[in-house]
Amino acid sequence: MGIAMPLNAQVQKGQTFLSGGLSFFAENGRNTAAQNSKNDGLNFNLGVGQLLSNKLALSLGFNYSRNKNSGFNEVFTPLQLLPNGEYLYSRATAVTAGAYSAWGLSIGLNNYIPLRERLAVVLSSSVSANFRSNEFSQQILGQNRFITESKQNDYALQFSPGLWYFLSPRFALSSSFGGFSLTVTPKSEGNGTSTISGGLSTEGILGIGLNYFFK
């Protein structure tokens, strides 16, 4: 027998809650005998919030992600220009490696719209600052290793819908969907000009998180 728990009896003004999520992936791929790749990464987020009313919460968040990849592939290097105007190329195998990491801070508002006793739609809006770094290296046998590094910061405004399902008065599962985002990227070493970009995503569930409500 189930226990009916109205949503407004679970989220109340003045309550504080913690939320978080963790995901990771690993894959190995071989396209041809001369191409191979290995990728792994993780995403982590943690937030704390407080209900300003029974349907509106203010939240602060932290997120971190990283990705590493390595492998080898064929590269072609021009050796000389032939009389007919074509280039003569040499073929070699290059060992590659890459590392990407990012972290960010955000502040946002969540609006809860009850659907059923334990289920609610959550409309989230947030402003975030994100800091990213990327490193890529490539080495052909017998040659010096080539390394490039870059860093980039951006600031984003995001709107996204989601669903919360209360397992108990203190625990709720949450899932997020696509949404709208507007990102401002200032000028940096790897980006010669400041840019503004926006997008509307209709992707499915991006992840599942767990939320804990303090009494």
N, C-alpha and C. Protein backbone atom coordinates (compact mmCIF):
# COMPACT_ATOMS: atom_id res chain seq x y z
N MET A 1 0.85 -1.19 0.00
CA MET A 1 0.00 0.00 0.00
C MET A 1 0.89 1.24 0.00
N GLY A 2 0.63 2.18 -0.90
CA GLY A 2 1.42 3.39 -0.96
C GLY A 2 0.94 4.42 0.03
N ILE A 3 1.79 5.36 0.33
CA ILE A 3 1.45 6.44 1.25
C ILE A 3 1.37 7.74 0.46
N ALA A 4 0.22 8.37 0.44
CA ALA A 4 0.06 9.62 -0.30
C ALA A 4 0.78 10.73 0.42
N MET A 5 1.64 11.46 -0.33
CA MET A 5 2.39 12.56 0.26
C MET A 5 2.25 13.77 -0.64
N PRO A 6 1.31 14.68 -0.39
CA PRO A 6 1.16 15.86 -1.23
C PRO A 6 2.46 16.63 -1.32
N LEU A 7 2.74 17.18 -2.49
CA LEU A 7 4.00 17.89 -2.69
C LEU A 7 4.15 19.06 -1.73
N ASN A 8 3.05 19.80 -1.49
CA ASN A 8 3.18 20.98 -0.62
C ASN A 8 3.44 20.61 0.83
N ALA A 9 3.34 19.31 1.16
CA ALA A 9 3.70 18.87 2.51
C ALA A 9 5.16 18.46 2.59
N GLN A 10 5.82 18.44 1.43
CA GLN A 10 7.22 18.01 1.39
C GLN A 10 8.17 19.18 1.19
N VAL A 11 7.79 20.16 0.40
CA VAL A 11 8.61 21.35 0.20
C VAL A 11 7.89 22.52 0.84
N GLN A 12 8.54 23.15 1.80
CA GLN A 12 7.92 24.22 2.55
C GLN A 12 8.88 25.40 2.69
N LYS A 13 8.32 26.57 2.82
CA LYS A 13 9.11 27.80 2.97
C LYS A 13 10.10 27.66 4.13
N GLY A 14 11.34 28.06 3.88
CA GLY A 14 12.38 28.01 4.89
C GLY A 14 13.20 26.75 4.88
N GLN A 15 12.77 25.70 4.16
CA GLN A 15 13.53 24.46 4.10
C GLN A 15 14.83 24.65 3.33
N THR A 16 15.87 23.97 3.78
CA THR A 16 17.15 23.94 3.07
C THR A 16 17.33 22.55 2.47
N PHE A 17 17.93 22.49 1.28
CA PHE A 17 18.13 21.19 0.64
C PHE A 17 19.49 21.14 -0.06
N LEU A 18 19.99 19.93 -0.18
CA LEU A 18 21.21 19.65 -0.94
C LEU A 18 20.84 18.86 -2.18
N SER A 19 21.52 19.12 -3.28
CA SER A 19 21.29 18.38 -4.51
C SER A 19 22.63 18.05 -5.15
N GLY A 20 22.67 16.96 -5.89
CA GLY A 20 23.92 16.58 -6.54
C GLY A 20 23.71 15.50 -7.56
N GLY A 21 24.70 15.34 -8.42
CA GLY A 21 24.65 14.31 -9.45
C GLY A 21 26.05 13.93 -9.88
N LEU A 22 26.20 12.72 -10.36
CA LEU A 22 27.50 12.22 -10.80
C LEU A 22 27.28 11.31 -12.00
N SER A 23 28.06 11.50 -13.05
CA SER A 23 28.01 10.62 -14.21
C SER A 23 29.42 10.45 -14.76
N PHE A 24 29.67 9.31 -15.38
CA PHE A 24 30.98 9.06 -15.97
C PHE A 24 30.82 8.15 -17.18
N PHE A 25 31.85 8.12 -18.01
CA PHE A 25 31.82 7.27 -19.19
C PHE A 25 33.24 6.83 -19.53
N ALA A 26 33.34 5.73 -20.25
CA ALA A 26 34.62 5.21 -20.74
C ALA A 26 34.35 4.44 -22.01
N GLU A 27 35.18 4.64 -23.01
CA GLU A 27 35.00 3.94 -24.27
C GLU A 27 36.34 3.73 -24.97
N ASN A 28 36.40 2.64 -25.71
CA ASN A 28 37.55 2.32 -26.55
C ASN A 28 37.05 2.10 -27.97
N GLY A 29 37.76 2.65 -28.94
CA GLY A 29 37.33 2.48 -30.32
C GLY A 29 38.49 2.28 -31.26
N ARG A 30 38.29 1.44 -32.26
CA ARG A 30 39.29 1.21 -33.30
C ARG A 30 38.57 1.29 -34.64
N ASN A 31 38.85 2.35 -35.38
CA ASN A 31 38.22 2.52 -36.69
C ASN A 31 38.90 1.68 -37.76
N THR A 32 40.22 1.74 -37.79
CA THR A 32 41.00 0.95 -38.73
C THR A 32 42.24 0.47 -38.00
N ALA A 33 43.08 -0.29 -38.70
CA ALA A 33 44.31 -0.77 -38.09
C ALA A 33 45.26 0.37 -37.75
N ALA A 34 45.04 1.53 -38.40
CA ALA A 34 45.92 2.68 -38.17
C ALA A 34 45.28 3.75 -37.30
N GLN A 35 44.09 3.49 -36.77
CA GLN A 35 43.41 4.47 -35.94
C GLN A 35 42.84 3.79 -34.70
N ASN A 36 43.13 4.38 -33.56
CA ASN A 36 42.63 3.82 -32.31
C ASN A 36 42.44 4.97 -31.33
N SER A 37 41.42 4.86 -30.45
CA SER A 37 41.18 5.93 -29.50
C SER A 37 40.62 5.37 -28.20
N LYS A 38 40.88 6.09 -27.11
CA LYS A 38 40.38 5.75 -25.79
C LYS A 38 39.93 7.03 -25.11
N ASN A 39 38.70 7.03 -24.59
CA ASN A 39 38.15 8.22 -23.97
C ASN A 39 37.52 7.87 -22.62
N ASP A 40 37.69 8.74 -21.65
CA ASP A 40 36.99 8.58 -20.39
C ASP A 40 36.77 9.96 -19.76
N GLY A 41 35.74 10.07 -18.97
CA GLY A 41 35.44 11.36 -18.36
C GLY A 41 34.40 11.23 -17.27
N LEU A 42 34.20 12.32 -16.56
CA LEU A 42 33.19 12.35 -15.51
C LEU A 42 32.63 13.76 -15.39
N ASN A 43 31.41 13.82 -14.85
CA ASN A 43 30.74 15.08 -14.57
C ASN A 43 30.17 15.02 -13.16
N PHE A 44 30.37 16.09 -12.40
CA PHE A 44 29.92 16.13 -11.02
C PHE A 44 29.32 17.50 -10.73
N ASN A 45 28.21 17.52 -10.02
CA ASN A 45 27.62 18.79 -9.62
C ASN A 45 27.05 18.69 -8.21
N LEU A 46 27.10 19.80 -7.50
CA LEU A 46 26.62 19.86 -6.12
C LEU A 46 25.98 21.23 -5.91
N GLY A 47 24.84 21.23 -5.24
CA GLY A 47 24.15 22.48 -5.00
C GLY A 47 23.52 22.53 -3.62
N VAL A 48 23.27 23.72 -3.14
CA VAL A 48 22.55 23.93 -1.89
C VAL A 48 21.50 25.01 -2.15
N GLY A 49 20.32 24.83 -1.57
CA GLY A 49 19.26 25.80 -1.83
C GLY A 49 18.36 25.98 -0.63
N GLN A 50 17.54 27.01 -0.70
CA GLN A 50 16.56 27.27 0.36
C GLN A 50 15.26 27.74 -0.29
N LEU A 51 14.16 27.23 0.23
CA LEU A 51 12.85 27.58 -0.30
C LEU A 51 12.43 28.94 0.21
N LEU A 52 12.19 29.89 -0.72
CA LEU A 52 11.71 31.21 -0.37
C LEU A 52 10.20 31.18 -0.14
N SER A 53 9.54 30.19 -0.78
CA SER A 53 8.11 29.94 -0.58
C SER A 53 7.90 28.45 -0.84
N ASN A 54 6.66 27.99 -0.81
CA ASN A 54 6.41 26.57 -1.04
C ASN A 54 6.67 26.15 -2.49
N LYS A 55 6.85 27.12 -3.38
CA LYS A 55 7.04 26.79 -4.79
C LYS A 55 8.25 27.46 -5.43
N LEU A 56 9.02 28.22 -4.66
CA LEU A 56 10.15 28.95 -5.22
C LEU A 56 11.37 28.78 -4.33
N ALA A 57 12.51 28.41 -4.94
CA ALA A 57 13.74 28.19 -4.18
C ALA A 57 14.91 28.92 -4.81
N LEU A 58 15.79 29.42 -3.97
CA LEU A 58 17.06 30.02 -4.40
C LEU A 58 18.15 28.98 -4.21
N SER A 59 19.04 28.83 -5.19
CA SER A 59 20.06 27.79 -5.10
C SER A 59 21.43 28.31 -5.53
N LEU A 60 22.48 27.72 -4.96
CA LEU A 60 23.86 27.97 -5.33
C LEU A 60 24.45 26.64 -5.78
N GLY A 61 25.23 26.66 -6.85
CA GLY A 61 25.73 25.39 -7.38
C GLY A 61 27.20 25.43 -7.75
N PHE A 62 27.79 24.24 -7.76
CA PHE A 62 29.18 24.04 -8.20
C PHE A 62 29.18 22.83 -9.13
N ASN A 63 29.91 22.91 -10.23
CA ASN A 63 30.02 21.77 -11.13
C ASN A 63 31.45 21.60 -11.60
N TYR A 64 31.79 20.35 -11.88
CA TYR A 64 33.14 20.01 -12.35
C TYR A 64 33.02 18.89 -13.38
N SER A 65 33.82 18.97 -14.42
CA SER A 65 33.86 17.92 -15.43
C SER A 65 35.27 17.79 -15.97
N ARG A 66 35.61 16.59 -16.41
CA ARG A 66 36.90 16.36 -17.04
C ARG A 66 36.75 15.28 -18.10
N ASN A 67 37.65 15.33 -19.06
CA ASN A 67 37.66 14.34 -20.12
C ASN A 67 39.10 14.11 -20.56
N LYS A 68 39.48 12.85 -20.71
CA LYS A 68 40.81 12.51 -21.20
C LYS A 68 40.67 11.57 -22.39
N ASN A 69 41.52 11.76 -23.38
CA ASN A 69 41.51 10.87 -24.54
C ASN A 69 42.93 10.62 -25.02
N SER A 70 43.15 9.47 -25.58
CA SER A 70 44.46 9.11 -26.12
C SER A 70 44.26 8.13 -27.26
N GLY A 71 45.27 8.01 -28.10
CA GLY A 71 45.17 7.08 -29.23
C GLY A 71 46.25 7.34 -30.25
N PHE A 72 46.04 6.81 -31.43
CA PHE A 72 46.97 7.06 -32.52
C PHE A 72 46.19 7.08 -33.83
N ASN A 73 46.73 7.78 -34.81
CA ASN A 73 46.10 7.86 -36.12
C ASN A 73 47.14 8.21 -37.17
N GLU A 74 46.80 8.01 -38.42
CA GLU A 74 47.70 8.32 -39.53
C GLU A 74 47.70 9.81 -39.82
N VAL A 75 48.87 10.35 -40.10
CA VAL A 75 49.00 11.74 -40.52
C VAL A 75 49.82 11.79 -41.81
N PHE A 76 49.53 12.77 -42.63
CA PHE A 76 50.21 12.92 -43.90
C PHE A 76 50.92 14.27 -43.92
N THR A 77 52.22 14.26 -44.20
CA THR A 77 53.04 15.47 -44.20
C THR A 77 53.57 15.73 -45.61
N PRO A 78 53.37 16.95 -46.15
CA PRO A 78 53.89 17.24 -47.49
C PRO A 78 55.42 17.28 -47.49
N LEU A 79 56.01 16.58 -48.47
CA LEU A 79 57.47 16.53 -48.57
C LEU A 79 57.99 17.49 -49.63
N GLN A 80 57.39 17.46 -50.81
CA GLN A 80 57.87 18.32 -51.89
C GLN A 80 56.76 18.55 -52.90
N LEU A 81 56.91 19.63 -53.66
CA LEU A 81 55.96 19.98 -54.70
C LEU A 81 56.46 19.40 -56.03
N LEU A 82 55.66 18.59 -56.64
CA LEU A 82 56.02 17.95 -57.90
C LEU A 82 55.82 18.91 -59.06
N PRO A 83 56.48 18.63 -60.23
CA PRO A 83 56.35 19.51 -61.41
C PRO A 83 54.91 19.69 -61.88
N ASN A 84 54.07 18.69 -61.65
CA ASN A 84 52.68 18.81 -62.10
C ASN A 84 51.81 19.62 -61.13
N GLY A 85 52.41 20.19 -60.07
CA GLY A 85 51.68 21.01 -59.13
C GLY A 85 51.11 20.27 -57.94
N GLU A 86 51.29 18.94 -57.91
CA GLU A 86 50.80 18.17 -56.78
C GLU A 86 51.91 17.97 -55.75
N TYR A 87 51.50 17.72 -54.50
CA TYR A 87 52.47 17.50 -53.44
C TYR A 87 52.71 16.01 -53.24
N LEU A 88 53.96 15.70 -52.87
CA LEU A 88 54.31 14.35 -52.47
C LEU A 88 54.27 14.30 -50.95
N TYR A 89 53.48 13.36 -50.41
CA TYR A 89 53.27 13.27 -48.98
C TYR A 89 53.96 12.04 -48.39
N SER A 90 54.35 12.18 -47.12
CA SER A 90 54.82 11.01 -46.37
C SER A 90 53.73 10.62 -45.37
N ARG A 91 53.62 9.34 -45.11
CA ARG A 91 52.59 8.84 -44.19
C ARG A 91 53.27 8.32 -42.92
N ALA A 92 52.73 8.70 -41.77
CA ALA A 92 53.30 8.26 -40.50
C ALA A 92 52.18 8.10 -39.48
N THR A 93 52.50 7.42 -38.39
CA THR A 93 51.55 7.25 -37.30
C THR A 93 51.88 8.23 -36.19
N ALA A 94 50.86 8.97 -35.74
CA ALA A 94 51.03 9.95 -34.68
C ALA A 94 50.31 9.49 -33.43
N VAL A 95 50.99 9.60 -32.29
CA VAL A 95 50.38 9.30 -31.00
C VAL A 95 49.80 10.60 -30.44
N THR A 96 48.52 10.58 -30.08
CA THR A 96 47.85 11.79 -29.61
C THR A 96 47.32 11.61 -28.18
N ALA A 97 47.19 12.73 -27.48
CA ALA A 97 46.62 12.71 -26.13
C ALA A 97 45.97 14.07 -25.87
N GLY A 98 44.85 14.05 -25.17
CA GLY A 98 44.17 15.29 -24.87
C GLY A 98 43.58 15.25 -23.47
N ALA A 99 43.48 16.40 -22.85
CA ALA A 99 42.88 16.52 -21.51
C ALA A 99 42.07 17.80 -21.46
N TYR A 100 40.84 17.66 -21.00
CA TYR A 100 39.93 18.80 -20.89
C TYR A 100 39.35 18.82 -19.48
N SER A 101 39.29 19.99 -18.88
CA SER A 101 38.66 20.12 -17.56
C SER A 101 37.90 21.44 -17.48
N ALA A 102 36.86 21.44 -16.67
CA ALA A 102 36.06 22.66 -16.51
C ALA A 102 35.40 22.66 -15.15
N TRP A 103 35.24 23.83 -14.58
CA TRP A 103 34.49 23.98 -13.35
C TRP A 103 33.72 25.30 -13.40
N GLY A 104 32.66 25.36 -12.62
CA GLY A 104 31.84 26.55 -12.66
C GLY A 104 31.03 26.75 -11.40
N LEU A 105 30.58 27.98 -11.22
CA LEU A 105 29.72 28.37 -10.09
C LEU A 105 28.44 28.99 -10.65
N SER A 106 27.33 28.77 -9.97
CA SER A 106 26.06 29.29 -10.47
C SER A 106 25.15 29.71 -9.33
N ILE A 107 24.22 30.60 -9.64
CA ILE A 107 23.16 30.99 -8.74
C ILE A 107 21.86 30.95 -9.53
N GLY A 108 20.81 30.39 -8.93
CA GLY A 108 19.60 30.22 -9.71
C GLY A 108 18.33 30.22 -8.89
N LEU A 109 17.21 30.19 -9.60
CA LEU A 109 15.88 30.11 -9.01
C LEU A 109 15.17 28.90 -9.59
N ASN A 110 14.50 28.13 -8.72
CA ASN A 110 13.70 26.98 -9.15
C ASN A 110 12.24 27.23 -8.80
N ASN A 111 11.37 27.01 -9.78
CA ASN A 111 9.94 27.16 -9.56
C ASN A 111 9.29 25.78 -9.66
N TYR A 112 8.60 25.34 -8.60
CA TYR A 112 8.00 24.01 -8.53
C TYR A 112 6.53 24.07 -8.91
N ILE A 113 6.12 23.21 -9.85
CA ILE A 113 4.73 23.12 -10.27
C ILE A 113 4.25 21.70 -10.00
N PRO A 114 3.43 21.48 -8.96
CA PRO A 114 2.99 20.12 -8.63
C PRO A 114 2.14 19.52 -9.74
N LEU A 115 2.39 18.24 -10.04
CA LEU A 115 1.59 17.50 -11.01
C LEU A 115 0.73 16.45 -10.31
N ARG A 116 1.37 15.67 -9.46
CA ARG A 116 0.68 14.65 -8.70
C ARG A 116 1.21 14.68 -7.26
N GLU A 117 0.85 13.68 -6.47
CA GLU A 117 1.20 13.68 -5.06
C GLU A 117 2.71 13.75 -4.84
N ARG A 118 3.48 13.02 -5.66
CA ARG A 118 4.93 12.99 -5.46
C ARG A 118 5.71 13.59 -6.62
N LEU A 119 5.03 14.05 -7.64
CA LEU A 119 5.68 14.47 -8.88
C LEU A 119 5.48 15.96 -9.11
N ALA A 120 6.55 16.63 -9.57
CA ALA A 120 6.47 18.06 -9.86
C ALA A 120 7.36 18.40 -11.04
N VAL A 121 6.91 19.37 -11.83
CA VAL A 121 7.75 19.98 -12.86
C VAL A 121 8.55 21.09 -12.19
N VAL A 122 9.81 21.19 -12.51
CA VAL A 122 10.67 22.23 -11.95
C VAL A 122 11.23 23.07 -13.10
N LEU A 123 10.93 24.35 -13.08
CA LEU A 123 11.46 25.28 -14.07
C LEU A 123 12.65 26.00 -13.44
N SER A 124 13.82 25.77 -14.00
CA SER A 124 15.06 26.30 -13.42
C SER A 124 15.64 27.40 -14.29
N SER A 125 16.12 28.43 -13.65
CA SER A 125 16.87 29.50 -14.33
C SER A 125 18.11 29.79 -13.52
N SER A 126 19.21 30.05 -14.19
CA SER A 126 20.47 30.27 -13.47
C SER A 126 21.41 31.15 -14.26
N VAL A 127 22.32 31.78 -13.53
CA VAL A 127 23.43 32.53 -14.10
C VAL A 127 24.70 31.85 -13.61
N SER A 128 25.63 31.56 -14.52
CA SER A 128 26.82 30.81 -14.13
C SER A 128 28.08 31.39 -14.74
N ALA A 129 29.20 31.14 -14.06
CA ALA A 129 30.53 31.48 -14.57
C ALA A 129 31.29 30.17 -14.71
N ASN A 130 31.88 29.94 -15.87
CA ASN A 130 32.55 28.68 -16.17
C ASN A 130 33.98 28.91 -16.61
N PHE A 131 34.88 28.03 -16.16
CA PHE A 131 36.31 28.18 -16.43
C PHE A 131 36.82 26.86 -17.01
N ARG A 132 37.36 26.91 -18.23
CA ARG A 132 37.75 25.71 -18.96
C ARG A 132 39.22 25.76 -19.35
N SER A 133 39.84 24.58 -19.40
CA SER A 133 41.21 24.47 -19.90
C SER A 133 41.31 23.22 -20.77
N ASN A 134 42.17 23.29 -21.77
CA ASN A 134 42.30 22.20 -22.73
C ASN A 134 43.76 22.04 -23.12
N GLU A 135 44.20 20.79 -23.22
CA GLU A 135 45.57 20.50 -23.65
C GLU A 135 45.55 19.37 -24.67
N PHE A 136 46.31 19.55 -25.75
CA PHE A 136 46.38 18.52 -26.79
C PHE A 136 47.84 18.34 -27.19
N SER A 137 48.25 17.08 -27.36
CA SER A 137 49.62 16.79 -27.78
C SER A 137 49.61 15.75 -28.90
N GLN A 138 50.58 15.86 -29.76
CA GLN A 138 50.74 14.91 -30.88
C GLN A 138 52.22 14.68 -31.12
N GLN A 139 52.61 13.44 -31.30
CA GLN A 139 54.01 13.11 -31.55
C GLN A 139 54.12 12.05 -32.63
N ILE A 140 54.89 12.37 -33.65
CA ILE A 140 55.21 11.42 -34.72
C ILE A 140 56.56 10.80 -34.39
N LEU A 141 56.67 9.50 -34.57
CA LEU A 141 57.90 8.80 -34.24
C LEU A 141 59.10 9.47 -34.90
N GLY A 142 60.10 9.79 -34.06
CA GLY A 142 61.31 10.43 -34.57
C GLY A 142 61.25 11.94 -34.62
N GLN A 143 60.14 12.52 -34.22
CA GLN A 143 60.00 13.97 -34.24
C GLN A 143 59.67 14.50 -32.84
N ASN A 144 59.80 15.82 -32.68
CA ASN A 144 59.50 16.43 -31.40
C ASN A 144 58.00 16.38 -31.12
N ARG A 145 57.66 16.35 -29.86
CA ARG A 145 56.26 16.34 -29.45
C ARG A 145 55.67 17.73 -29.60
N PHE A 146 54.47 17.80 -30.19
CA PHE A 146 53.78 19.06 -30.42
C PHE A 146 52.67 19.20 -29.38
N ILE A 147 52.66 20.31 -28.62
CA ILE A 147 51.69 20.51 -27.53
C ILE A 147 51.01 21.87 -27.70
N THR A 148 49.70 21.88 -27.56
CA THR A 148 48.95 23.14 -27.54
C THR A 148 48.11 23.18 -26.26
N GLU A 149 48.01 24.36 -25.66
CA GLU A 149 47.22 24.56 -24.46
C GLU A 149 46.34 25.80 -24.64
N SER A 150 45.16 25.75 -24.07
CA SER A 150 44.26 26.90 -24.16
C SER A 150 43.37 26.97 -22.92
N LYS A 151 42.96 28.18 -22.59
CA LYS A 151 42.03 28.40 -21.48
C LYS A 151 40.93 29.33 -21.96
N GLN A 152 39.75 29.12 -21.42
CA GLN A 152 38.61 29.93 -21.84
C GLN A 152 37.60 30.05 -20.70
N ASN A 153 37.10 31.26 -20.51
CA ASN A 153 36.07 31.51 -19.52
C ASN A 153 34.80 31.97 -20.22
N ASP A 154 33.66 31.66 -19.67
CA ASP A 154 32.41 32.19 -20.23
C ASP A 154 31.38 32.36 -19.13
N TYR A 155 30.34 33.11 -19.47
CA TYR A 155 29.27 33.41 -18.53
C TYR A 155 27.95 33.10 -19.23
N ALA A 156 27.09 32.36 -18.54
CA ALA A 156 25.90 31.84 -19.21
C ALA A 156 24.63 32.11 -18.42
N LEU A 157 23.55 32.31 -19.17
CA LEU A 157 22.20 32.42 -18.63
C LEU A 157 21.43 31.22 -19.17
N GLN A 158 20.82 30.42 -18.29
CA GLN A 158 20.19 29.19 -18.72
C GLN A 158 18.78 29.05 -18.14
N PHE A 159 17.90 28.49 -18.97
CA PHE A 159 16.54 28.15 -18.56
C PHE A 159 16.30 26.69 -18.97
N SER A 160 15.87 25.87 -18.03
CA SER A 160 15.65 24.46 -18.36
C SER A 160 14.54 23.87 -17.50
N PRO A 161 13.71 22.99 -18.08
CA PRO A 161 12.69 22.28 -17.31
C PRO A 161 13.22 20.95 -16.79
N GLY A 162 12.56 20.42 -15.79
CA GLY A 162 12.94 19.12 -15.25
C GLY A 162 11.79 18.50 -14.49
N LEU A 163 12.01 17.30 -13.98
CA LEU A 163 11.02 16.60 -13.18
C LEU A 163 11.64 16.18 -11.85
N TRP A 164 10.87 16.32 -10.78
CA TRP A 164 11.28 15.83 -9.46
C TRP A 164 10.27 14.80 -9.00
N TYR A 165 10.77 13.70 -8.48
CA TYR A 165 9.90 12.67 -7.91
C TYR A 165 10.35 12.38 -6.49
N PHE A 166 9.45 12.56 -5.53
CA PHE A 166 9.77 12.39 -4.11
C PHE A 166 9.65 10.92 -3.70
N LEU A 167 10.81 10.36 -3.31
CA LEU A 167 10.81 9.00 -2.79
C LEU A 167 10.31 8.97 -1.35
N SER A 168 10.53 10.05 -0.64
CA SER A 168 10.10 10.21 0.75
C SER A 168 10.03 11.72 1.02
N PRO A 169 9.59 12.14 2.20
CA PRO A 169 9.55 13.57 2.48
C PRO A 169 10.92 14.25 2.43
N ARG A 170 12.01 13.48 2.51
CA ARG A 170 13.35 14.07 2.52
C ARG A 170 14.16 13.83 1.25
N PHE A 171 13.81 12.82 0.47
CA PHE A 171 14.60 12.48 -0.71
C PHE A 171 13.76 12.64 -1.98
N ALA A 172 14.38 13.23 -3.01
CA ALA A 172 13.71 13.38 -4.30
C ALA A 172 14.70 13.12 -5.42
N LEU A 173 14.26 12.38 -6.42
CA LEU A 173 15.05 12.19 -7.64
C LEU A 173 14.71 13.32 -8.60
N SER A 174 15.71 13.81 -9.31
CA SER A 174 15.47 14.89 -10.27
C SER A 174 16.12 14.55 -11.61
N SER A 175 15.47 14.95 -12.67
CA SER A 175 16.02 14.78 -14.01
C SER A 175 15.86 16.09 -14.77
N SER A 176 16.79 16.38 -15.65
CA SER A 176 16.75 17.62 -16.41
C SER A 176 16.66 17.34 -17.90
N PHE A 177 16.06 18.28 -18.63
CA PHE A 177 15.88 18.12 -20.06
C PHE A 177 16.64 19.24 -20.78
N GLY A 178 16.31 19.42 -22.04
CA GLY A 178 16.92 20.51 -22.80
C GLY A 178 16.44 21.85 -22.27
N GLY A 179 16.74 22.91 -22.97
CA GLY A 179 16.33 24.23 -22.52
C GLY A 179 16.96 25.29 -23.38
N PHE A 180 16.94 26.52 -22.89
CA PHE A 180 17.51 27.65 -23.61
C PHE A 180 18.73 28.16 -22.87
N SER A 181 19.76 28.52 -23.61
CA SER A 181 20.97 29.06 -22.99
C SER A 181 21.50 30.23 -23.81
N LEU A 182 22.06 31.19 -23.12
CA LEU A 182 22.72 32.35 -23.73
C LEU A 182 24.09 32.48 -23.10
N THR A 183 25.15 32.41 -23.91
CA THR A 183 26.52 32.37 -23.39
C THR A 183 27.34 33.53 -23.93
N VAL A 184 28.06 34.20 -23.03
CA VAL A 184 28.97 35.28 -23.41
C VAL A 184 30.39 34.81 -23.14
N THR A 185 31.24 34.82 -24.18
CA THR A 185 32.63 34.39 -24.06
C THR A 185 33.55 35.58 -24.30
N PRO A 186 34.23 36.08 -23.27
CA PRO A 186 35.13 37.23 -23.46
C PRO A 186 36.33 36.87 -24.32
N LYS A 187 37.00 37.89 -24.81
CA LYS A 187 38.22 37.72 -25.58
C LYS A 187 39.30 37.07 -24.73
N SER A 188 40.03 36.10 -25.30
CA SER A 188 41.09 35.41 -24.57
C SER A 188 42.20 35.05 -25.54
N GLU A 189 43.22 34.32 -25.02
CA GLU A 189 44.34 33.93 -25.88
C GLU A 189 43.88 33.03 -27.03
N GLY A 190 42.97 32.12 -26.75
CA GLY A 190 42.50 31.21 -27.79
C GLY A 190 41.31 31.73 -28.57
N ASN A 191 40.77 32.86 -28.14
CA ASN A 191 39.60 33.43 -28.79
C ASN A 191 39.86 34.90 -29.04
N GLY A 192 40.08 35.27 -30.31
CA GLY A 192 40.50 36.62 -30.64
C GLY A 192 39.45 37.69 -30.43
N THR A 193 38.18 37.32 -30.38
CA THR A 193 37.11 38.29 -30.20
C THR A 193 36.10 37.77 -29.16
N SER A 194 35.38 38.70 -28.57
CA SER A 194 34.31 38.31 -27.66
C SER A 194 33.13 37.81 -28.48
N THR A 195 32.44 36.80 -27.97
CA THR A 195 31.31 36.23 -28.71
C THR A 195 30.10 36.06 -27.80
N ILE A 196 28.93 36.12 -28.41
CA ILE A 196 27.67 35.84 -27.74
C ILE A 196 26.95 34.77 -28.53
N SER A 197 26.56 33.71 -27.88
CA SER A 197 25.88 32.62 -28.57
C SER A 197 24.68 32.15 -27.76
N GLY A 198 23.69 31.67 -28.44
CA GLY A 198 22.50 31.17 -27.79
C GLY A 198 22.02 29.91 -28.47
N GLY A 199 21.21 29.14 -27.77
CA GLY A 199 20.73 27.90 -28.36
C GLY A 199 19.52 27.35 -27.63
N LEU A 200 18.72 26.62 -28.36
CA LEU A 200 17.54 25.95 -27.80
C LEU A 200 17.74 24.46 -27.99
N SER A 201 17.77 23.72 -26.89
CA SER A 201 17.99 22.28 -26.94
C SER A 201 16.70 21.53 -26.66
N THR A 202 16.46 20.47 -27.43
CA THR A 202 15.29 19.62 -27.21
C THR A 202 15.72 18.20 -26.90
N GLU A 203 16.93 18.04 -26.37
CA GLU A 203 17.44 16.72 -26.05
C GLU A 203 16.65 16.10 -24.91
N GLY A 204 16.77 14.80 -24.77
CA GLY A 204 16.07 14.07 -23.70
C GLY A 204 16.75 14.27 -22.37
N ILE A 205 16.51 13.35 -21.47
CA ILE A 205 17.05 13.45 -20.12
C ILE A 205 18.57 13.51 -20.16
N LEU A 206 19.15 14.48 -19.50
CA LEU A 206 20.60 14.64 -19.47
C LEU A 206 21.22 13.92 -18.28
N GLY A 207 20.49 13.79 -17.22
CA GLY A 207 21.07 13.16 -16.05
C GLY A 207 20.05 13.05 -14.93
N ILE A 208 20.39 12.27 -13.95
CA ILE A 208 19.53 12.07 -12.79
C ILE A 208 20.29 12.44 -11.54
N GLY A 209 19.70 13.25 -10.69
CA GLY A 209 20.34 13.67 -9.45
C GLY A 209 19.50 13.31 -8.24
N LEU A 210 20.10 13.41 -7.08
CA LEU A 210 19.41 13.12 -5.81
C LEU A 210 19.41 14.38 -4.95
N ASN A 211 18.26 14.66 -4.35
CA ASN A 211 18.09 15.86 -3.54
C ASN A 211 17.68 15.45 -2.13
N TYR A 212 18.27 16.10 -1.13
CA TYR A 212 17.96 15.82 0.27
C TYR A 212 17.44 17.07 0.94
N PHE A 213 16.26 16.99 1.56
CA PHE A 213 15.64 18.12 2.24
C PHE A 213 15.82 18.00 3.75
N PHE A 214 16.34 19.07 4.36
CA PHE A 214 16.47 19.13 5.80
C PHE A 214 15.15 19.57 6.42
N LYS A 215 14.85 19.03 7.56
CA LYS A 215 13.63 19.42 8.27
C LYS A 215 13.91 20.56 9.24
